[in-house]
Amino acid sequence: MAQSTMSIRVNSDDKMQFERFCESVGMNPTVAVNMFVKTVIRKQRIPFKIEAPDPFYNQENMSRLKKSIQQMETGNFKEHELIEVDD
């Protein structure tokens, strides 16, 4: 069967970690990518679950969290009494 070359771009650190992982399980990145490609072809789907990120980490919440952290670090916040609720 004829061979073709596929070029992909990945983060340098991710590439290094991927290469280390592949080596630790006794293969190289080419073998790992070929396994992925063959599985996609055979199953006609991505062979793992793809999910949307946790909605908690949306831009609005992250901005609010960063603002709260900044307030705590600068001492710019008001303390209040803890309100306990009976069950």
PDB file of N, CA and C in Angstrom:
ATOM      1  N   MET A   1       0.846  -1.179   0.000  1.00  0.00           N
ATOM      2  CA  MET A   1       0.000   0.000   0.000  1.00  0.00           C
ATOM      3  C   MET A   1       0.891   1.242   0.000  1.00  0.00           C
ATOM      4  N   ALA A   2       0.538   2.220  -0.819  1.00  0.00           N
ATOM      5  CA  ALA A   2       1.331   3.455  -0.923  1.00  0.00           C
ATOM      6  C   ALA A   2       1.262   4.244   0.375  1.00  0.00           C
ATOM      7  N   GLN A   3       2.338   4.908   0.695  1.00  0.00           N
ATOM      8  CA  GLN A   3       2.426   5.727   1.910  1.00  0.00           C
ATOM      9  C   GLN A   3       2.316   7.199   1.539  1.00  0.00           C
ATOM     10  N   SER A   4       1.725   7.987   2.422  1.00  0.00           N
ATOM     11  CA  SER A   4       1.644   9.435   2.246  1.00  0.00           C
ATOM     12  C   SER A   4       2.114  10.095   3.527  1.00  0.00           C
ATOM     13  N   THR A   5       2.577  11.318   3.392  1.00  0.00           N
ATOM     14  CA  THR A   5       3.011  12.079   4.555  1.00  0.00           C
ATOM     15  C   THR A   5       1.917  13.057   4.937  1.00  0.00           C
ATOM     16  N   MET A   6       1.680  13.156   6.252  1.00  0.00           N
ATOM     17  CA  MET A   6       0.696  14.092   6.775  1.00  0.00           C
ATOM     18  C   MET A   6       1.433  15.012   7.742  1.00  0.00           C
ATOM     19  N   SER A   7       1.341  16.311   7.526  1.00  0.00           N
ATOM     20  CA  SER A   7       1.980  17.269   8.430  1.00  0.00           C
ATOM     21  C   SER A   7       0.918  17.901   9.311  1.00  0.00           C
ATOM     22  N   ILE A   8       1.184  17.953  10.601  1.00  0.00           N
ATOM     23  CA  ILE A   8       0.265  18.597  11.538  1.00  0.00           C
ATOM     24  C   ILE A   8       1.075  19.529  12.433  1.00  0.00           C
ATOM     25  N   ARG A   9       0.425  20.515  12.994  1.00  0.00           N
ATOM     26  CA  ARG A   9       1.086  21.436  13.917  1.00  0.00           C
ATOM     27  C   ARG A   9       0.545  21.176  15.313  1.00  0.00           C
ATOM     28  N   VAL A  10       1.456  21.074  16.272  1.00  0.00           N
ATOM     29  CA  VAL A  10       1.092  20.936  17.677  1.00  0.00           C
ATOM     30  C   VAL A  10       2.029  21.802  18.506  1.00  0.00           C
ATOM     31  N   ASN A  11       1.580  22.123  19.679  1.00  0.00           N
ATOM     32  CA  ASN A  11       2.394  22.860  20.638  1.00  0.00           C
ATOM     33  C   ASN A  11       3.672  22.070  20.907  1.00  0.00           C
ATOM     34  N   SER A  12       4.819  22.740  20.979  1.00  0.00           N
ATOM     35  CA  SER A  12       6.113  22.066  21.174  1.00  0.00           C
ATOM     36  C   SER A  12       6.139  21.229  22.450  1.00  0.00           C
ATOM     37  N   ASP A  13       5.587  21.775  23.530  1.00  0.00           N
ATOM     38  CA  ASP A  13       5.567  21.027  24.791  1.00  0.00           C
ATOM     39  C   ASP A  13       4.672  19.787  24.671  1.00  0.00           C
ATOM     40  N   ASP A  14       3.517  19.931  24.009  1.00  0.00           N
ATOM     41  CA  ASP A  14       2.627  18.779  23.804  1.00  0.00           C
ATOM     42  C   ASP A  14       3.326  17.700  22.977  1.00  0.00           C
ATOM     43  N   LYS A  15       4.048  18.125  21.954  1.00  0.00           N
ATOM     44  CA  LYS A  15       4.782  17.171  21.110  1.00  0.00           C
ATOM     45  C   LYS A  15       5.788  16.384  21.940  1.00  0.00           C
ATOM     46  N   MET A  16       6.530  17.083  22.772  1.00  0.00           N
ATOM     47  CA  MET A  16       7.543  16.427  23.601  1.00  0.00           C
ATOM     48  C   MET A  16       6.884  15.432  24.576  1.00  0.00           C
ATOM     49  N   GLN A  17       5.790  15.861  25.207  1.00  0.00           N
ATOM     50  CA  GLN A  17       5.101  14.973  26.145  1.00  0.00           C
ATOM     51  C   GLN A  17       4.511  13.762  25.421  1.00  0.00           C
ATOM     52  N   PHE A  18       3.978  13.975  24.216  1.00  0.00           N
ATOM     53  CA  PHE A  18       3.416  12.883  23.418  1.00  0.00           C
ATOM     54  C   PHE A  18       4.501  11.885  23.032  1.00  0.00           C
ATOM     55  N   GLU A  19       5.639  12.399  22.614  1.00  0.00           N
ATOM     56  CA  GLU A  19       6.756  11.518  22.255  1.00  0.00           C
ATOM     57  C   GLU A  19       7.205  10.696  23.466  1.00  0.00           C
ATOM     58  N   ARG A  20       7.276  11.338  24.632  1.00  0.00           N
ATOM     59  CA  ARG A  20       7.662  10.616  25.855  1.00  0.00           C
ATOM     60  C   ARG A  20       6.658   9.525  26.187  1.00  0.00           C
ATOM     61  N   PHE A  21       5.371   9.868  26.074  1.00  0.00           N
ATOM     62  CA  PHE A  21       4.333   8.867  26.341  1.00  0.00           C
ATOM     63  C   PHE A  21       4.468   7.691  25.387  1.00  0.00           C
ATOM     64  N   CYS A  22       4.569   7.988  24.092  1.00  0.00           N
ATOM     65  CA  CYS A  22       4.678   6.918  23.097  1.00  0.00           C
ATOM     66  C   CYS A  22       5.862   6.009  23.402  1.00  0.00           C
ATOM     67  N   GLU A  23       6.989   6.603  23.733  1.00  0.00           N
ATOM     68  CA  GLU A  23       8.180   5.816  24.074  1.00  0.00           C
ATOM     69  C   GLU A  23       7.919   4.934  25.293  1.00  0.00           C
ATOM     70  N   SER A  24       7.200   5.485  26.274  1.00  0.00           N
ATOM     71  CA  SER A  24       6.954   4.726  27.511  1.00  0.00           C
ATOM     72  C   SER A  24       6.063   3.508  27.293  1.00  0.00           C
ATOM     73  N   VAL A  25       5.254   3.522  26.213  1.00  0.00           N
ATOM     74  CA  VAL A  25       4.393   2.371  25.919  1.00  0.00           C
ATOM     75  C   VAL A  25       4.908   1.565  24.733  1.00  0.00           C
ATOM     76  N   GLY A  26       6.138   1.857  24.314  1.00  0.00           N
ATOM     77  CA  GLY A  26       6.787   1.030  23.304  1.00  0.00           C
ATOM     78  C   GLY A  26       6.407   1.306  21.868  1.00  0.00           C
ATOM     79  N   MET A  27       6.056   2.542  21.569  1.00  0.00           N
ATOM     80  CA  MET A  27       5.761   2.888  20.175  1.00  0.00           C
ATOM     81  C   MET A  27       6.317   4.270  19.882  1.00  0.00           C
ATOM     82  N   ASN A  28       6.180   4.688  18.643  1.00  0.00           N
ATOM     83  CA  ASN A  28       6.589   6.041  18.291  1.00  0.00           C
ATOM     84  C   ASN A  28       5.351   6.833  17.886  1.00  0.00           C
ATOM     85  N   PRO A  29       5.456   8.158  17.742  1.00  0.00           N
ATOM     86  CA  PRO A  29       4.290   8.968  17.385  1.00  0.00           C
ATOM     87  C   PRO A  29       3.620   8.548  16.078  1.00  0.00           C
ATOM     88  N   THR A  30       4.383   8.099  15.090  1.00  0.00           N
ATOM     89  CA  THR A  30       3.787   7.661  13.829  1.00  0.00           C
ATOM     90  C   THR A  30       2.854   6.490  14.042  1.00  0.00           C
ATOM     91  N   VAL A  31       3.274   5.528  14.830  1.00  0.00           N
ATOM     92  CA  VAL A  31       2.428   4.363  15.130  1.00  0.00           C
ATOM     93  C   VAL A  31       1.167   4.813  15.863  1.00  0.00           C
ATOM     94  N   ALA A  32       1.317   5.703  16.847  1.00  0.00           N
ATOM     95  CA  ALA A  32       0.169   6.170  17.624  1.00  0.00           C
ATOM     96  C   ALA A  32      -0.837   6.901  16.733  1.00  0.00           C
ATOM     97  N   VAL A  33      -0.351   7.782  15.867  1.00  0.00           N
ATOM     98  CA  VAL A  33      -1.254   8.525  14.972  1.00  0.00           C
ATOM     99  C   VAL A  33      -1.920   7.570  13.991  1.00  0.00           C
ATOM    100  N   ASN A  34      -1.164   6.592  13.472  1.00  0.00           N
ATOM    101  CA  ASN A  34      -1.760   5.604  12.568  1.00  0.00           C
ATOM    102  C   ASN A  34      -2.842   4.787  13.264  1.00  0.00           C
ATOM    103  N   MET A  35      -2.641   4.459  14.540  1.00  0.00           N
ATOM    104  CA  MET A  35      -3.670   3.748  15.301  1.00  0.00           C
ATOM    105  C   MET A  35      -4.932   4.603  15.403  1.00  0.00           C
ATOM    106  N   PHE A  36      -4.746   5.895  15.664  1.00  0.00           N
ATOM    107  CA  PHE A  36      -5.873   6.811  15.746  1.00  0.00           C
ATOM    108  C   PHE A  36      -6.617   6.865  14.411  1.00  0.00           C
ATOM    109  N   VAL A  37      -5.881   7.044  13.309  1.00  0.00           N
ATOM    110  CA  VAL A  37      -6.488   7.135  11.980  1.00  0.00           C
ATOM    111  C   VAL A  37      -7.265   5.866  11.650  1.00  0.00           C
ATOM    112  N   LYS A  38      -6.661   4.716  11.879  1.00  0.00           N
ATOM    113  CA  LYS A  38      -7.329   3.438  11.580  1.00  0.00           C
ATOM    114  C   LYS A  38      -8.600   3.270  12.411  1.00  0.00           C
ATOM    115  N   THR A  39      -8.556   3.679  13.665  1.00  0.00           N
ATOM    116  CA  THR A  39      -9.737   3.567  14.531  1.00  0.00           C
ATOM    117  C   THR A  39     -10.853   4.491  14.050  1.00  0.00           C
ATOM    118  N   VAL A  40     -10.508   5.720  13.665  1.00  0.00           N
ATOM    119  CA  VAL A  40     -11.508   6.655  13.123  1.00  0.00           C
ATOM    120  C   VAL A  40     -12.153   6.056  11.875  1.00  0.00           C
ATOM    121  N   ILE A  41     -11.346   5.505  10.988  1.00  0.00           N
ATOM    122  CA  ILE A  41     -11.875   4.916   9.748  1.00  0.00           C
ATOM    123  C   ILE A  41     -12.780   3.729  10.062  1.00  0.00           C
ATOM    124  N   ARG A  42     -12.332   2.849  10.937  1.00  0.00           N
ATOM    125  CA  ARG A  42     -13.093   1.646  11.263  1.00  0.00           C
ATOM    126  C   ARG A  42     -14.417   1.973  11.948  1.00  0.00           C
ATOM    127  N   LYS A  43     -14.383   2.890  12.934  1.00  0.00           N
ATOM    128  CA  LYS A  43     -15.584   3.203  13.707  1.00  0.00           C
ATOM    129  C   LYS A  43     -16.409   4.350  13.117  1.00  0.00           C
ATOM    130  N   GLN A  44     -15.810   5.080  12.170  1.00  0.00           N
ATOM    131  CA  GLN A  44     -16.472   6.236  11.566  1.00  0.00           C
ATOM    132  C   GLN A  44     -16.889   7.278  12.611  1.00  0.00           C
ATOM    133  N   ARG A  45     -15.999   7.472  13.556  1.00  0.00           N
ATOM    134  CA  ARG A  45     -16.207   8.482  14.595  1.00  0.00           C
ATOM    135  C   ARG A  45     -14.882   8.706  15.306  1.00  0.00           C
ATOM    136  N   ILE A  46     -14.799   9.797  16.056  1.00  0.00           N
ATOM    137  CA  ILE A  46     -13.628  10.041  16.896  1.00  0.00           C
ATOM    138  C   ILE A  46     -13.702   9.022  18.036  1.00  0.00           C
ATOM    139  N   PRO A  47     -12.635   8.309  18.319  1.00  0.00           N
ATOM    140  CA  PRO A  47     -12.699   7.205  19.281  1.00  0.00           C
ATOM    141  C   PRO A  47     -12.650   7.617  20.760  1.00  0.00           C
ATOM    142  N   PHE A  48     -13.078   8.809  21.062  1.00  0.00           N
ATOM    143  CA  PHE A  48     -13.190   9.226  22.451  1.00  0.00           C
ATOM    144  C   PHE A  48     -14.260  10.296  22.530  1.00  0.00           C
ATOM    145  N   LYS A  49     -14.773  10.499  23.709  1.00  0.00           N
ATOM    146  CA  LYS A  49     -15.853  11.456  23.924  1.00  0.00           C
ATOM    147  C   LYS A  49     -15.313  12.885  23.853  1.00  0.00           C
ATOM    148  N   ILE A  50     -15.973  13.718  23.077  1.00  0.00           N
ATOM    149  CA  ILE A  50     -15.612  15.124  22.979  1.00  0.00           C
ATOM    150  C   ILE A  50     -16.719  15.911  23.665  1.00  0.00           C
ATOM    151  N   GLU A  51     -16.338  16.680  24.656  1.00  0.00           N
ATOM    152  CA  GLU A  51     -17.319  17.420  25.432  1.00  0.00           C
ATOM    153  C   GLU A  51     -17.009  18.907  25.416  1.00  0.00           C
ATOM    154  N   ALA A  52     -18.057  19.685  25.568  1.00  0.00           N
ATOM    155  CA  ALA A  52     -17.870  21.127  25.724  1.00  0.00           C
ATOM    156  C   ALA A  52     -17.208  21.361  27.079  1.00  0.00           C
ATOM    157  N   PRO A  53     -16.435  22.423  27.199  1.00  0.00           N
ATOM    158  CA  PRO A  53     -15.799  22.724  28.482  1.00  0.00           C
ATOM    159  C   PRO A  53     -16.853  22.961  29.564  1.00  0.00           C
ATOM    160  N   ASP A  54     -16.449  22.737  30.790  1.00  0.00           N
ATOM    161  CA  ASP A  54     -17.322  22.969  31.929  1.00  0.00           C
ATOM    162  C   ASP A  54     -17.815  24.413  31.883  1.00  0.00           C
ATOM    163  N   PRO A  55     -19.147  24.638  31.894  1.00  0.00           N
ATOM    164  CA  PRO A  55     -19.665  26.006  31.791  1.00  0.00           C
ATOM    165  C   PRO A  55     -19.240  26.909  32.944  1.00  0.00           C
ATOM    166  N   PHE A  56     -18.799  26.327  34.050  1.00  0.00           N
ATOM    167  CA  PHE A  56     -18.337  27.141  35.165  1.00  0.00           C
ATOM    168  C   PHE A  56     -17.184  28.033  34.743  1.00  0.00           C
ATOM    169  N   TYR A  57     -16.369  27.544  33.815  1.00  0.00           N
ATOM    170  CA  TYR A  57     -15.174  28.273  33.414  1.00  0.00           C
ATOM    171  C   TYR A  57     -15.428  29.217  32.232  1.00  0.00           C
ATOM    172  N   ASN A  58     -16.676  29.679  32.072  1.00  0.00           N
ATOM    173  CA  ASN A  58     -16.949  30.616  30.987  1.00  0.00           C
ATOM    174  C   ASN A  58     -16.303  31.961  31.290  1.00  0.00           C
ATOM    175  N   GLN A  59     -16.250  32.820  30.289  1.00  0.00           N
ATOM    176  CA  GLN A  59     -15.534  34.093  30.406  1.00  0.00           C
ATOM    177  C   GLN A  59     -16.089  34.963  31.541  1.00  0.00           C
ATOM    178  N   GLU A  60     -17.406  35.000  31.690  1.00  0.00           N
ATOM    179  CA  GLU A  60     -18.015  35.836  32.736  1.00  0.00           C
ATOM    180  C   GLU A  60     -17.606  35.369  34.134  1.00  0.00           C
ATOM    181  N   ASN A  61     -17.667  34.071  34.374  1.00  0.00           N
ATOM    182  CA  ASN A  61     -17.275  33.549  35.691  1.00  0.00           C
ATOM    183  C   ASN A  61     -15.786  33.746  35.956  1.00  0.00           C
ATOM    184  N   MET A  62     -14.969  33.532  34.936  1.00  0.00           N
ATOM    185  CA  MET A  62     -13.534  33.689  35.128  1.00  0.00           C
ATOM    186  C   MET A  62     -13.187  35.147  35.441  1.00  0.00           C
ATOM    187  N   SER A  63     -13.867  36.083  34.790  1.00  0.00           N
ATOM    188  CA  SER A  63     -13.631  37.504  35.082  1.00  0.00           C
ATOM    189  C   SER A  63     -14.018  37.812  36.525  1.00  0.00           C
ATOM    190  N   ARG A  64     -15.143  37.280  36.971  1.00  0.00           N
ATOM    191  CA  ARG A  64     -15.598  37.507  38.346  1.00  0.00           C
ATOM    192  C   ARG A  64     -14.622  36.893  39.350  1.00  0.00           C
ATOM    193  N   LEU A  65     -14.148  35.694  39.065  1.00  0.00           N
ATOM    194  CA  LEU A  65     -13.187  35.041  39.954  1.00  0.00           C
ATOM    195  C   LEU A  65     -11.885  35.837  40.045  1.00  0.00           C
ATOM    196  N   LYS A  66     -11.394  36.314  38.905  1.00  0.00           N
ATOM    197  CA  LYS A  66     -10.159  37.102  38.898  1.00  0.00           C
ATOM    198  C   LYS A  66     -10.333  38.389  39.684  1.00  0.00           C
ATOM    199  N   LYS A  67     -11.506  39.017  39.554  1.00  0.00           N
ATOM    200  CA  LYS A  67     -11.792  40.244  40.304  1.00  0.00           C
ATOM    201  C   LYS A  67     -11.801  39.951  41.809  1.00  0.00           C
ATOM    202  N   SER A  68     -12.433  38.833  42.199  1.00  0.00           N
ATOM    203  CA  SER A  68     -12.485  38.457  43.612  1.00  0.00           C
ATOM    204  C   SER A  68     -11.094  38.162  44.162  1.00  0.00           C
ATOM    205  N   ILE A  69     -10.278  37.489  43.388  1.00  0.00           N
ATOM    206  CA  ILE A  69      -8.907  37.177  43.820  1.00  0.00           C
ATOM    207  C   ILE A  69      -8.126  38.472  44.010  1.00  0.00           C
ATOM    208  N   GLN A  70      -8.280  39.386  43.064  1.00  0.00           N
ATOM    209  CA  GLN A  70      -7.577  40.671  43.163  1.00  0.00           C
ATOM    210  C   GLN A  70      -8.031  41.423  44.416  1.00  0.00           C
ATOM    211  N   GLN A  71      -9.328  41.399  44.720  1.00  0.00           N
ATOM    212  CA  GLN A  71      -9.842  42.070  45.917  1.00  0.00           C
ATOM    213  C   GLN A  71      -9.241  41.443  47.179  1.00  0.00           C
ATOM    214  N   MET A  72      -9.159  40.133  47.202  1.00  0.00           N
ATOM    215  CA  MET A  72      -8.589  39.449  48.375  1.00  0.00           C
ATOM    216  C   MET A  72      -7.106  39.804  48.535  1.00  0.00           C
ATOM    217  N   GLU A  73      -6.373  39.805  47.421  1.00  0.00           N
ATOM    218  CA  GLU A  73      -4.935  40.087  47.477  1.00  0.00           C
ATOM    219  C   GLU A  73      -4.637  41.524  47.899  1.00  0.00           C
ATOM    220  N   THR A  74      -5.507  42.445  47.544  1.00  0.00           N
ATOM    221  CA  THR A  74      -5.275  43.853  47.886  1.00  0.00           C
ATOM    222  C   THR A  74      -5.970  44.258  49.184  1.00  0.00           C
ATOM    223  N   GLY A  75      -6.729  43.327  49.774  1.00  0.00           N
ATOM    224  CA  GLY A  75      -7.438  43.629  51.012  1.00  0.00           C
ATOM    225  C   GLY A  75      -8.651  44.523  50.790  1.00  0.00           C
ATOM    226  N   ASN A  76      -9.102  44.612  49.569  1.00  0.00           N
ATOM    227  CA  ASN A  76     -10.228  45.474  49.216  1.00  0.00           C
ATOM    228  C   ASN A  76     -11.531  44.669  49.219  1.00  0.00           C
ATOM    229  N   PHE A  77     -11.947  44.212  50.404  1.00  0.00           N
ATOM    230  CA  PHE A  77     -13.186  43.451  50.512  1.00  0.00           C
ATOM    231  C   PHE A  77     -13.791  43.680  51.895  1.00  0.00           C
ATOM    232  N   LYS A  78     -15.062  43.375  52.024  1.00  0.00           N
ATOM    233  CA  LYS A  78     -15.758  43.530  53.299  1.00  0.00           C
ATOM    234  C   LYS A  78     -16.009  42.144  53.889  1.00  0.00           C
ATOM    235  N   GLU A  79     -15.650  41.987  55.160  1.00  0.00           N
ATOM    236  CA  GLU A  79     -15.957  40.732  55.836  1.00  0.00           C
ATOM    237  C   GLU A  79     -17.394  40.794  56.325  1.00  0.00           C
ATOM    238  N   HIS A  80     -18.022  39.661  56.426  1.00  0.00           N
ATOM    239  CA  HIS A  80     -19.380  39.610  56.956  1.00  0.00           C
ATOM    240  C   HIS A  80     -19.506  38.367  57.820  1.00  0.00           C
ATOM    241  N   GLU A  81     -20.523  38.374  58.656  1.00  0.00           N
ATOM    242  CA  GLU A  81     -20.771  37.232  59.536  1.00  0.00           C
ATOM    243  C   GLU A  81     -21.298  36.073  58.718  1.00  0.00           C
ATOM    244  N   LEU A  82     -20.911  34.869  59.094  1.00  0.00           N
ATOM    245  CA  LEU A  82     -21.424  33.668  58.459  1.00  0.00           C
ATOM    246  C   LEU A  82     -22.856  33.463  58.926  1.00  0.00           C
ATOM    247  N   ILE A  83     -23.733  33.245  58.009  1.00  0.00           N
ATOM    248  CA  ILE A  83     -25.136  32.999  58.346  1.00  0.00           C
ATOM    249  C   ILE A  83     -25.361  31.497  58.308  1.00  0.00           C
ATOM    250  N   GLU A  84     -25.764  30.943  59.431  1.00  0.00           N
ATOM    251  CA  GLU A  84     -26.036  29.506  59.479  1.00  0.00           C
ATOM    252  C   GLU A  84     -27.524  29.282  59.337  1.00  0.00           C
ATOM    253  N   VAL A  85     -27.877  28.242  58.621  1.00  0.00           N
ATOM    254  CA  VAL A  85     -29.279  27.935  58.350  1.00  0.00           C
ATOM    255  C   VAL A  85     -29.592  26.590  58.962  1.00  0.00           C
ATOM    256  N   ASP A  86     -30.726  26.513  59.667  1.00  0.00           N
ATOM    257  CA  ASP A  86     -31.179  25.236  60.202  1.00  0.00           C
ATOM    258  C   ASP A  86     -31.790  24.411  59.079  1.00  0.00           C
ATOM    259  N   ASP A  87     -31.522  23.098  59.117  1.00  0.00           N
ATOM    260  CA  ASP A  87     -32.100  22.215  58.097  1.00  0.00           C
ATOM    261  C   ASP A  87     -33.536  21.933  58.334  1.00  0.00           C
TER     262      ASP A  87
END
